[in-house]
Amino acid sequence: MVEGFITEPIERIAATVPGVDFIDSNTTAGMSTVNVWLKLNQNSTDALSELSSRLSQIRFELPTGRKILPFQSGEQIGRSLVFIWTYRLLPA
Protein backbone atom coordinates (compact mmCIF):
# COMPACT_ATOMS: atom_id res chain seq x y z
CA MET A 1 0.00 0.00 0.00
CA VAL A 2 2.70 2.51 0.95
CA GLU A 3 4.72 2.11 -2.23
CA GLY A 4 1.83 2.35 -4.66
CA PHE A 5 -0.14 5.08 -2.90
CA ILE A 6 2.59 7.25 -1.37
CA THR A 7 6.08 6.53 -2.71
CA GLU A 8 5.21 6.35 -6.42
CA PRO A 9 3.12 9.58 -6.56
CA ILE A 10 5.88 11.49 -4.75
CA GLU A 11 8.55 10.10 -7.08
CA ARG A 12 6.40 10.89 -10.13
CA ILE A 13 5.86 14.53 -9.15
CA ALA A 14 9.48 15.05 -8.03
CA ALA A 15 10.68 13.87 -11.45
CA THR A 16 8.88 16.85 -13.06
CA VAL A 17 10.76 19.51 -11.06
CA PRO A 18 13.49 21.37 -12.98
CA GLY A 19 16.93 20.77 -11.51
CA VAL A 20 16.25 17.31 -10.09
CA ASP A 21 19.12 14.97 -10.94
CA PHE A 22 17.75 11.66 -9.64
CA ILE A 23 15.36 10.18 -7.10
CA ASP A 24 15.68 7.14 -4.89
CA SER A 25 13.38 5.75 -2.24
CA ASN A 26 12.98 3.16 0.46
CA THR A 27 9.57 1.78 1.37
CA THR A 28 8.78 -0.44 4.34
CA ALA A 29 5.53 -1.33 6.09
CA GLY A 30 3.96 1.96 7.13
CA MET A 31 6.84 4.19 6.03
CA SER A 32 8.19 5.75 2.85
CA THR A 33 11.41 7.73 2.46
CA VAL A 34 11.97 9.56 -0.82
CA ASN A 35 15.34 11.19 -1.55
CA VAL A 36 15.37 13.88 -4.23
CA TRP A 37 18.87 14.75 -5.45
CA LEU A 38 19.52 18.06 -7.19
CA LYS A 39 21.87 18.70 -10.07
CA LEU A 40 25.18 20.31 -9.17
CA ASN A 41 24.93 24.12 -8.76
CA GLN A 42 21.12 24.02 -8.87
CA ASN A 43 19.33 26.76 -6.91
CA SER A 44 18.08 24.72 -3.95
CA THR A 45 15.61 27.37 -2.77
CA ASP A 46 13.81 27.43 -6.12
CA ALA A 47 13.84 23.64 -6.43
CA LEU A 48 12.50 23.11 -2.91
CA SER A 49 9.79 25.70 -3.42
CA GLU A 50 8.69 24.12 -6.70
CA LEU A 51 8.81 20.62 -5.25
CA SER A 52 6.79 21.62 -2.17
CA SER A 53 4.22 23.35 -4.36
CA ARG A 54 3.81 20.34 -6.63
CA LEU A 55 3.61 17.93 -3.69
CA SER A 56 0.82 19.98 -2.13
CA GLN A 57 -1.12 19.60 -5.39
CA ILE A 58 -1.17 15.79 -5.12
CA ARG A 59 -2.24 15.53 -1.47
CA PHE A 60 -5.68 14.40 -2.69
CA GLU A 61 -4.05 11.35 -4.31
CA LEU A 62 -2.60 10.14 -1.02
CA PRO A 63 -4.58 7.66 1.11
CA THR A 64 -7.42 8.97 3.27
CA GLY A 65 -8.51 7.57 6.60
CA ARG A 66 -5.01 7.72 8.06
CA LYS A 67 -2.78 10.52 9.19
CA ILE A 68 0.27 11.08 7.03
CA LEU A 69 2.94 12.97 8.90
CA PRO A 70 5.60 14.41 6.57
CA PHE A 71 9.12 15.12 7.70
CA GLN A 72 11.43 16.94 5.37
CA SER A 73 15.07 17.87 5.59
CA GLY A 74 17.79 19.01 3.27
CA GLU A 75 21.37 17.96 3.65
CA GLN A 76 24.60 18.40 1.81
CA ILE A 77 26.20 15.12 0.79
CA GLY A 78 29.53 15.76 -0.86
CA ARG A 79 28.87 18.43 -3.48
CA SER A 80 25.24 17.38 -3.95
CA LEU A 81 22.17 18.56 -2.11
CA VAL A 82 19.44 16.06 -1.33
CA PHE A 83 15.95 16.73 -0.01
CA ILE A 84 14.47 13.91 2.03
CA TRP A 85 10.77 13.29 2.65
CA THR A 86 9.72 10.61 5.12
CA TYR A 87 6.06 9.72 5.45
CA ARG A 88 4.77 7.57 8.28
CA LEU A 89 1.27 6.18 8.30
CA LEU A 90 -0.39 6.42 11.68
CA PRO A 91 -3.88 5.33 12.69
CA ALA A 92 -6.42 8.10 12.12
PDB file of N, CA and C in Angstrom:
ATOM      1  N   MET A   1       0.817  -1.195   0.000  1.00  0.00           N
ATOM      2  CA  MET A   1       0.000   0.000   0.000  1.00  0.00           C
ATOM      3  C   MET A   1       0.857   1.253   0.000  1.00  0.00           C
ATOM      4  N   VAL A   2       1.885   1.302   0.837  1.00  0.00           N
ATOM      5  CA  VAL A   2       2.701   2.510   0.954  1.00  0.00           C
ATOM      6  C   VAL A   2       3.391   2.844  -0.356  1.00  0.00           C
ATOM      7  N   GLU A   3       3.980   1.837  -1.006  1.00  0.00           N
ATOM      8  CA  GLU A   3       4.721   2.112  -2.235  1.00  0.00           C
ATOM      9  C   GLU A   3       3.809   2.634  -3.341  1.00  0.00           C
ATOM     10  N   GLY A   4       2.711   1.974  -3.570  1.00  0.00           N
ATOM     11  CA  GLY A   4       1.825   2.353  -4.659  1.00  0.00           C
ATOM     12  C   GLY A   4       1.067   3.641  -4.428  1.00  0.00           C
ATOM     13  N   PHE A   5       0.703   3.928  -3.181  1.00  0.00           N
ATOM     14  CA  PHE A   5      -0.140   5.079  -2.900  1.00  0.00           C
ATOM     15  C   PHE A   5       0.606   6.292  -2.356  1.00  0.00           C
ATOM     16  N   ILE A   6       1.832   6.115  -1.914  1.00  0.00           N
ATOM     17  CA  ILE A   6       2.595   7.249  -1.374  1.00  0.00           C
ATOM     18  C   ILE A   6       3.912   7.432  -2.115  1.00  0.00           C
ATOM     19  N   THR A   7       4.754   6.414  -2.118  1.00  0.00           N
ATOM     20  CA  THR A   7       6.079   6.534  -2.713  1.00  0.00           C
ATOM     21  C   THR A   7       6.010   6.889  -4.199  1.00  0.00           C
ATOM     22  N   GLU A   8       5.244   6.136  -4.969  1.00  0.00           N
ATOM     23  CA  GLU A   8       5.207   6.353  -6.416  1.00  0.00           C
ATOM     24  C   GLU A   8       4.655   7.725  -6.816  1.00  0.00           C
ATOM     25  N   PRO A   9       3.562   8.225  -6.201  1.00  0.00           N
ATOM     26  CA  PRO A   9       3.116   9.578  -6.563  1.00  0.00           C
ATOM     27  C   PRO A   9       4.150  10.663  -6.233  1.00  0.00           C
ATOM     28  N   ILE A  10       4.856  10.509  -5.119  1.00  0.00           N
ATOM     29  CA  ILE A  10       5.875  11.493  -4.753  1.00  0.00           C
ATOM     30  C   ILE A  10       7.037  11.434  -5.745  1.00  0.00           C
ATOM     31  N   GLU A  11       7.477  10.235  -6.098  1.00  0.00           N
ATOM     32  CA  GLU A  11       8.553  10.098  -7.084  1.00  0.00           C
ATOM     33  C   GLU A  11       8.134  10.685  -8.432  1.00  0.00           C
ATOM     34  N   ARG A  12       6.901  10.406  -8.835  1.00  0.00           N
ATOM     35  CA  ARG A  12       6.404  10.887 -10.128  1.00  0.00           C
ATOM     36  C   ARG A  12       6.404  12.422 -10.184  1.00  0.00           C
ATOM     37  N   ILE A  13       5.936  13.075  -9.140  1.00  0.00           N
ATOM     38  CA  ILE A  13       5.862  14.534  -9.146  1.00  0.00           C
ATOM     39  C   ILE A  13       7.259  15.141  -9.001  1.00  0.00           C
ATOM     40  N   ALA A  14       8.120  14.527  -8.206  1.00  0.00           N
ATOM     41  CA  ALA A  14       9.485  15.048  -8.031  1.00  0.00           C
ATOM     42  C   ALA A  14      10.255  15.008  -9.347  1.00  0.00           C
ATOM     43  N   ALA A  15       9.976  14.008 -10.168  1.00  0.00           N
ATOM     44  CA  ALA A  15      10.684  13.871 -11.449  1.00  0.00           C
ATOM     45  C   ALA A  15      10.354  15.007 -12.415  1.00  0.00           C
ATOM     46  N   THR A  16       9.276  15.754 -12.163  1.00  0.00           N
ATOM     47  CA  THR A  16       8.883  16.849 -13.055  1.00  0.00           C
ATOM     48  C   THR A  16       9.492  18.188 -12.664  1.00  0.00           C
ATOM     49  N   VAL A  17      10.197  18.249 -11.553  1.00  0.00           N
ATOM     50  CA  VAL A  17      10.759  19.507 -11.057  1.00  0.00           C
ATOM     51  C   VAL A  17      12.087  19.804 -11.761  1.00  0.00           C
ATOM     52  N   PRO A  18      12.216  20.999 -12.347  1.00  0.00           N
ATOM     53  CA  PRO A  18      13.488  21.369 -12.980  1.00  0.00           C
ATOM     54  C   PRO A  18      14.635  21.346 -11.960  1.00  0.00           C
ATOM     55  N   GLY A  19      15.757  20.801 -12.369  1.00  0.00           N
ATOM     56  CA  GLY A  19      16.934  20.772 -11.511  1.00  0.00           C
ATOM     57  C   GLY A  19      17.109  19.484 -10.734  1.00  0.00           C
ATOM     58  N   VAL A  20      16.118  18.591 -10.786  1.00  0.00           N
ATOM     59  CA  VAL A  20      16.253  17.310 -10.089  1.00  0.00           C
ATOM     60  C   VAL A  20      17.152  16.403 -10.917  1.00  0.00           C
ATOM     61  N   ASP A  21      18.166  15.848 -10.265  1.00  0.00           N
ATOM     62  CA  ASP A  21      19.119  14.967 -10.937  1.00  0.00           C
ATOM     63  C   ASP A  21      18.616  13.520 -10.920  1.00  0.00           C
ATOM     64  N   PHE A  22      18.316  12.996  -9.732  1.00  0.00           N
ATOM     65  CA  PHE A  22      17.750  11.659  -9.639  1.00  0.00           C
ATOM     66  C   PHE A  22      16.997  11.509  -8.326  1.00  0.00           C
ATOM     67  N   ILE A  23      16.216  10.448  -8.247  1.00  0.00           N
ATOM     68  CA  ILE A  23      15.359  10.184  -7.099  1.00  0.00           C
ATOM     69  C   ILE A  23      15.579   8.741  -6.687  1.00  0.00           C
ATOM     70  N   ASP A  24      15.687   8.505  -5.376  1.00  0.00           N
ATOM     71  CA  ASP A  24      15.677   7.135  -4.887  1.00  0.00           C
ATOM     72  C   ASP A  24      14.749   7.080  -3.680  1.00  0.00           C
ATOM     73  N   SER A  25      14.334   5.872  -3.334  1.00  0.00           N
ATOM     74  CA  SER A  25      13.383   5.751  -2.238  1.00  0.00           C
ATOM     75  C   SER A  25      13.559   4.421  -1.527  1.00  0.00           C
ATOM     76  N   ASN A  26      12.989   4.366  -0.337  1.00  0.00           N
ATOM     77  CA  ASN A  26      12.977   3.156   0.464  1.00  0.00           C
ATOM     78  C   ASN A  26      11.588   3.063   1.089  1.00  0.00           C
ATOM     79  N   THR A  27      10.910   1.956   0.848  1.00  0.00           N
ATOM     80  CA  THR A  27       9.566   1.777   1.370  1.00  0.00           C
ATOM     81  C   THR A  27       9.522   0.535   2.232  1.00  0.00           C
ATOM     82  N   THR A  28       8.987   0.685   3.439  1.00  0.00           N
ATOM     83  CA  THR A  28       8.777  -0.438   4.341  1.00  0.00           C
ATOM     84  C   THR A  28       7.330  -0.363   4.813  1.00  0.00           C
ATOM     85  N   ALA A  29       6.914  -1.327   5.593  1.00  0.00           N
ATOM     86  CA  ALA A  29       5.532  -1.333   6.090  1.00  0.00           C
ATOM     87  C   ALA A  29       5.267  -0.069   6.899  1.00  0.00           C
ATOM     88  N   GLY A  30       4.359   0.757   6.398  1.00  0.00           N
ATOM     89  CA  GLY A  30       3.962   1.958   7.127  1.00  0.00           C
ATOM     90  C   GLY A  30       4.879   3.145   6.985  1.00  0.00           C
ATOM     91  N   MET A  31       5.923   3.067   6.158  1.00  0.00           N
ATOM     92  CA  MET A  31       6.840   4.190   6.030  1.00  0.00           C
ATOM     93  C   MET A  31       7.440   4.262   4.638  1.00  0.00           C
ATOM     94  N   SER A  32       7.593   5.499   4.157  1.00  0.00           N
ATOM     95  CA  SER A  32       8.195   5.748   2.855  1.00  0.00           C
ATOM     96  C   SER A  32       9.201   6.878   2.997  1.00  0.00           C
ATOM     97  N   THR A  33      10.400   6.675   2.489  1.00  0.00           N
ATOM     98  CA  THR A  33      11.411   7.728   2.463  1.00  0.00           C
ATOM     99  C   THR A  33      11.801   7.951   1.018  1.00  0.00           C
ATOM    100  N   VAL A  34      11.648   9.202   0.557  1.00  0.00           N
ATOM    101  CA  VAL A  34      11.966   9.564  -0.822  1.00  0.00           C
ATOM    102  C   VAL A  34      13.096  10.592  -0.787  1.00  0.00           C
ATOM    103  N   ASN A  35      14.191  10.296  -1.467  1.00  0.00           N
ATOM    104  CA  ASN A  35      15.338  11.193  -1.554  1.00  0.00           C
ATOM    105  C   ASN A  35      15.352  11.825  -2.941  1.00  0.00           C
ATOM    106  N   VAL A  36      15.369  13.144  -2.977  1.00  0.00           N
ATOM    107  CA  VAL A  36      15.372  13.883  -4.233  1.00  0.00           C
ATOM    108  C   VAL A  36      16.699  14.612  -4.333  1.00  0.00           C
ATOM    109  N   TRP A  37      17.532  14.196  -5.273  1.00  0.00           N
ATOM    110  CA  TRP A  37      18.873  14.750  -5.452  1.00  0.00           C
ATOM    111  C   TRP A  37      18.843  15.835  -6.524  1.00  0.00           C
ATOM    112  N   LEU A  38      19.467  16.963  -6.226  1.00  0.00           N
ATOM    113  CA  LEU A  38      19.520  18.060  -7.192  1.00  0.00           C
ATOM    114  C   LEU A  38      20.794  18.009  -8.021  1.00  0.00           C
ATOM    115  N   LYS A  39      20.697  18.563  -9.226  1.00  0.00           N
ATOM    116  CA  LYS A  39      21.871  18.701 -10.073  1.00  0.00           C
ATOM    117  C   LYS A  39      22.860  19.654  -9.403  1.00  0.00           C
ATOM    118  N   LEU A  40      24.117  19.468  -9.701  1.00  0.00           N
ATOM    119  CA  LEU A  40      25.176  20.311  -9.168  1.00  0.00           C
ATOM    120  C   LEU A  40      24.925  21.764  -9.541  1.00  0.00           C
ATOM    121  N   ASN A  41      25.103  22.671  -8.602  1.00  0.00           N
ATOM    122  CA  ASN A  41      24.931  24.117  -8.759  1.00  0.00           C
ATOM    123  C   ASN A  41      23.492  24.544  -9.018  1.00  0.00           C
ATOM    124  N   GLN A  42      22.534  23.678  -8.726  1.00  0.00           N
ATOM    125  CA  GLN A  42      21.124  24.024  -8.875  1.00  0.00           C
ATOM    126  C   GLN A  42      20.701  24.917  -7.710  1.00  0.00           C
ATOM    127  N   ASN A  43      19.835  25.897  -7.970  1.00  0.00           N
ATOM    128  CA  ASN A  43      19.325  26.760  -6.914  1.00  0.00           C
ATOM    129  C   ASN A  43      18.391  25.935  -6.027  1.00  0.00           C
ATOM    130  N   SER A  44      18.845  25.604  -4.826  1.00  0.00           N
ATOM    131  CA  SER A  44      18.082  24.719  -3.954  1.00  0.00           C
ATOM    132  C   SER A  44      16.804  25.375  -3.444  1.00  0.00           C
ATOM    133  N   THR A  45      16.812  26.675  -3.255  1.00  0.00           N
ATOM    134  CA  THR A  45      15.613  27.370  -2.770  1.00  0.00           C
ATOM    135  C   THR A  45      14.493  27.260  -3.799  1.00  0.00           C
ATOM    136  N   ASP A  46      14.811  27.518  -5.063  1.00  0.00           N
ATOM    137  CA  ASP A  46      13.805  27.425  -6.123  1.00  0.00           C
ATOM    138  C   ASP A  46      13.302  25.990  -6.282  1.00  0.00           C
ATOM    139  N   ALA A  47      14.215  25.040  -6.255  1.00  0.00           N
ATOM    140  CA  ALA A  47      13.835  23.640  -6.433  1.00  0.00           C
ATOM    141  C   ALA A  47      12.947  23.164  -5.283  1.00  0.00           C
ATOM    142  N   LEU A  48      13.302  23.516  -4.062  1.00  0.00           N
ATOM    143  CA  LEU A  48      12.500  23.109  -2.907  1.00  0.00           C
ATOM    144  C   LEU A  48      11.121  23.751  -2.950  1.00  0.00           C
ATOM    145  N   SER A  49      11.069  25.009  -3.319  1.00  0.00           N
ATOM    146  CA  SER A  49       9.789  25.705  -3.422  1.00  0.00           C
ATOM    147  C   SER A  49       8.890  25.042  -4.466  1.00  0.00           C
ATOM    148  N   GLU A  50       9.461  24.755  -5.623  1.00  0.00           N
ATOM    149  CA  GLU A  50       8.693  24.122  -6.695  1.00  0.00           C
ATOM    150  C   GLU A  50       8.252  22.721  -6.290  1.00  0.00           C
ATOM    151  N   LEU A  51       9.138  21.975  -5.669  1.00  0.00           N
ATOM    152  CA  LEU A  51       8.809  20.624  -5.247  1.00  0.00           C
ATOM    153  C   LEU A  51       7.712  20.641  -4.185  1.00  0.00           C
ATOM    154  N   SER A  52       7.811  21.524  -3.220  1.00  0.00           N
ATOM    155  CA  SER A  52       6.787  21.625  -2.171  1.00  0.00           C
ATOM    156  C   SER A  52       5.434  22.003  -2.761  1.00  0.00           C
ATOM    157  N   SER A  53       5.455  22.935  -3.712  1.00  0.00           N
ATOM    158  CA  SER A  53       4.220  23.353  -4.360  1.00  0.00           C
ATOM    159  C   SER A  53       3.570  22.194  -5.108  1.00  0.00           C
ATOM    160  N   ARG A  54       4.362  21.460  -5.846  1.00  0.00           N
ATOM    161  CA  ARG A  54       3.815  20.340  -6.630  1.00  0.00           C
ATOM    162  C   ARG A  54       3.339  19.205  -5.727  1.00  0.00           C
ATOM    163  N   LEU A  55       4.049  18.973  -4.627  1.00  0.00           N
ATOM    164  CA  LEU A  55       3.614  17.930  -3.695  1.00  0.00           C
ATOM    165  C   LEU A  55       2.289  18.297  -3.040  1.00  0.00           C
ATOM    166  N   SER A  56       2.084  19.571  -2.743  1.00  0.00           N
ATOM    167  CA  SER A  56       0.820  19.976  -2.131  1.00  0.00           C
ATOM    168  C   SER A  56      -0.343  19.771  -3.092  1.00  0.00           C
ATOM    169  N   GLN A  57      -0.071  19.791  -4.393  1.00  0.00           N
ATOM    170  CA  GLN A  57      -1.122  19.603  -5.393  1.00  0.00           C
ATOM    171  C   GLN A  57      -1.572  18.142  -5.509  1.00  0.00           C
ATOM    172  N   ILE A  58      -0.777  17.201  -5.012  1.00  0.00           N
ATOM    173  CA  ILE A  58      -1.168  15.794  -5.116  1.00  0.00           C
ATOM    174  C   ILE A  58      -1.631  15.212  -3.784  1.00  0.00           C
ATOM    175  N   ARG A  59      -1.800  16.041  -2.775  1.00  0.00           N
ATOM    176  CA  ARG A  59      -2.244  15.528  -1.473  1.00  0.00           C
ATOM    177  C   ARG A  59      -3.526  14.713  -1.599  1.00  0.00           C
ATOM    178  N   PHE A  60      -4.415  15.115  -2.518  1.00  0.00           N
ATOM    179  CA  PHE A  60      -5.685  14.405  -2.695  1.00  0.00           C
ATOM    180  C   PHE A  60      -5.479  12.979  -3.196  1.00  0.00           C
ATOM    181  N   GLU A  61      -4.331  12.699  -3.801  1.00  0.00           N
ATOM    182  CA  GLU A  61      -4.052  11.354  -4.308  1.00  0.00           C
ATOM    183  C   GLU A  61      -3.588  10.403  -3.208  1.00  0.00           C
ATOM    184  N   LEU A  62      -3.137  10.965  -2.098  1.00  0.00           N
ATOM    185  CA  LEU A  62      -2.599  10.139  -1.022  1.00  0.00           C
ATOM    186  C   LEU A  62      -3.746   9.510  -0.231  1.00  0.00           C
ATOM    187  N   PRO A  63      -3.507   8.383   0.429  1.00  0.00           N
ATOM    188  CA  PRO A  63      -4.582   7.658   1.110  1.00  0.00           C
ATOM    189  C   PRO A  63      -5.309   8.509   2.154  1.00  0.00           C
ATOM    190  N   THR A  64      -6.620   8.313   2.239  1.00  0.00           N
ATOM    191  CA  THR A  64      -7.417   8.974   3.270  1.00  0.00           C
ATOM    192  C   THR A  64      -7.706   7.971   4.372  1.00  0.00           C
ATOM    193  N   GLY A  65      -8.176   8.458   5.491  1.00  0.00           N
ATOM    194  CA  GLY A  65      -8.505   7.567   6.596  1.00  0.00           C
ATOM    195  C   GLY A  65      -7.338   7.300   7.523  1.00  0.00           C
ATOM    196  N   ARG A  66      -6.185   7.844   7.190  1.00  0.00           N
ATOM    197  CA  ARG A  66      -5.009   7.723   8.056  1.00  0.00           C
ATOM    198  C   ARG A  66      -4.297   9.054   8.071  1.00  0.00           C
ATOM    199  N   LYS A  67      -3.583   9.298   9.135  1.00  0.00           N
ATOM    200  CA  LYS A  67      -2.784  10.520   9.195  1.00  0.00           C
ATOM    201  C   LYS A  67      -1.449  10.261   8.519  1.00  0.00           C
ATOM    202  N   ILE A  68      -1.035  11.183   7.679  1.00  0.00           N
ATOM    203  CA  ILE A  68       0.266  11.079   7.027  1.00  0.00           C
ATOM    204  C   ILE A  68       1.097  12.243   7.543  1.00  0.00           C
ATOM    205  N   LEU A  69       2.111  11.935   8.301  1.00  0.00           N
ATOM    206  CA  LEU A  69       2.938  12.972   8.897  1.00  0.00           C
ATOM    207  C   LEU A  69       4.222  13.130   8.091  1.00  0.00           C
ATOM    208  N   PRO A  70       4.380  14.235   7.362  1.00  0.00           N
ATOM    209  CA  PRO A  70       5.601  14.405   6.570  1.00  0.00           C
ATOM    210  C   PRO A  70       6.737  14.984   7.416  1.00  0.00           C
ATOM    211  N   PHE A  71       7.909  14.533   7.134  1.00  0.00           N
ATOM    212  CA  PHE A  71       9.121  15.123   7.700  1.00  0.00           C
ATOM    213  C   PHE A  71      10.032  15.415   6.530  1.00  0.00           C
ATOM    214  N   GLN A  72      10.536  16.633   6.473  1.00  0.00           N
ATOM    215  CA  GLN A  72      11.432  16.938   5.373  1.00  0.00           C
ATOM    216  C   GLN A  72      12.705  17.553   5.914  1.00  0.00           C
ATOM    217  N   SER A  73      13.784  17.283   5.224  1.00  0.00           N
ATOM    218  CA  SER A  73      15.067  17.871   5.588  1.00  0.00           C
ATOM    219  C   SER A  73      15.890  18.014   4.324  1.00  0.00           C
ATOM    220  N   GLY A  74      16.849  18.875   4.373  1.00  0.00           N
ATOM    221  CA  GLY A  74      17.791  19.013   3.273  1.00  0.00           C
ATOM    222  C   GLY A  74      19.188  18.850   3.834  1.00  0.00           C
ATOM    223  N   GLU A  75      20.007  18.120   3.157  1.00  0.00           N
ATOM    224  CA  GLU A  75      21.369  17.962   3.652  1.00  0.00           C
ATOM    225  C   GLU A  75      22.352  17.907   2.495  1.00  0.00           C
ATOM    226  N   GLN A  76      23.520  18.398   2.776  1.00  0.00           N
ATOM    227  CA  GLN A  76      24.603  18.399   1.810  1.00  0.00           C
ATOM    228  C   GLN A  76      25.336  17.070   1.923  1.00  0.00           C
ATOM    229  N   ILE A  77      25.443  16.375   0.813  1.00  0.00           N
ATOM    230  CA  ILE A  77      26.200  15.122   0.788  1.00  0.00           C
ATOM    231  C   ILE A  77      27.247  15.287  -0.304  1.00  0.00           C
ATOM    232  N   GLY A  78      28.477  15.443   0.100  1.00  0.00           N
ATOM    233  CA  GLY A  78      29.535  15.763  -0.861  1.00  0.00           C
ATOM    234  C   GLY A  78      29.227  17.111  -1.480  1.00  0.00           C
ATOM    235  N   ARG A  79      29.189  17.180  -2.804  1.00  0.00           N
ATOM    236  CA  ARG A  79      28.865  18.433  -3.479  1.00  0.00           C
ATOM    237  C   ARG A  79      27.410  18.472  -3.924  1.00  0.00           C
ATOM    238  N   SER A  80      26.648  17.452  -3.559  1.00  0.00           N
ATOM    239  CA  SER A  80      25.242  17.381  -3.952  1.00  0.00           C
ATOM    240  C   SER A  80      24.344  17.759  -2.785  1.00  0.00           C
ATOM    241  N   LEU A  81      23.171  18.259  -3.106  1.00  0.00           N
ATOM    242  CA  LEU A  81      22.169  18.558  -2.107  1.00  0.00           C
ATOM    243  C   LEU A  81      21.017  17.590  -2.313  1.00  0.00           C
ATOM    244  N   VAL A  82      20.555  17.000  -1.241  1.00  0.00           N
ATOM    245  CA  VAL A  82      19.437  16.057  -1.331  1.00  0.00           C
ATOM    246  C   VAL A  82      18.347  16.505  -0.379  1.00  0.00           C
ATOM    247  N   PHE A  83      17.112  16.475  -0.858  1.00  0.00           N
ATOM    248  CA  PHE A  83      15.954  16.726  -0.011  1.00  0.00           C
ATOM    249  C   PHE A  83      15.338  15.380   0.311  1.00  0.00           C
ATOM    250  N   ILE A  84      14.968  15.200   1.570  1.00  0.00           N
ATOM    251  CA  ILE A  84      14.467  13.915   2.032  1.00  0.00           C
ATOM    252  C   ILE A  84      13.071  14.088   2.610  1.00  0.00           C
ATOM    253  N   TRP A  85      12.122  13.312   2.099  1.00  0.00           N
ATOM    254  CA  TRP A  85      10.769  13.291   2.646  1.00  0.00           C
ATOM    255  C   TRP A  85      10.517  11.918   3.235  1.00  0.00           C
ATOM    256  N   THR A  86      10.096  11.874   4.491  1.00  0.00           N
ATOM    257  CA  THR A  86       9.723  10.615   5.120  1.00  0.00           C
ATOM    258  C   THR A  86       8.264  10.704   5.533  1.00  0.00           C
ATOM    259  N   TYR A  87       7.478   9.760   5.099  1.00  0.00           N
ATOM    260  CA  TYR A  87       6.057   9.717   5.452  1.00  0.00           C
ATOM    261  C   TYR A  87       5.799   8.481   6.290  1.00  0.00           C
ATOM    262  N   ARG A  88       5.136   8.689   7.411  1.00  0.00           N
ATOM    263  CA  ARG A  88       4.771   7.570   8.281  1.00  0.00           C
ATOM    264  C   ARG A  88       3.256   7.516   8.363  1.00  0.00           C
ATOM    265  N   LEU A  89       2.720   6.361   8.187  1.00  0.00           N
ATOM    266  CA  LEU A  89       1.272   6.177   8.300  1.00  0.00           C
ATOM    267  C   LEU A  89       0.941   5.858   9.745  1.00  0.00           C
ATOM    268  N   LEU A  90       0.066   6.642  10.311  1.00  0.00           N
ATOM    269  CA  LEU A  90      -0.386   6.424  11.682  1.00  0.00           C
ATOM    270  C   LEU A  90      -1.893   6.214  11.672  1.00  0.00           C
ATOM    271  N   PRO A  91      -2.416   5.482  12.632  1.00  0.00           N
ATOM    272  CA  PRO A  91      -3.880   5.325  12.694  1.00  0.00           C
ATOM    273  C   PRO A  91      -4.550   6.701  12.766  1.00  0.00           C
ATOM    274  N   ALA A  92      -5.684   6.827  12.136  1.00  0.00           N
ATOM    275  CA  ALA A  92      -6.423   8.097  12.119  1.00  0.00           C
ATOM    276  C   ALA A  92      -6.906   8.470  13.499  1.00  0.00           C
TER     277      ALA A  92
END
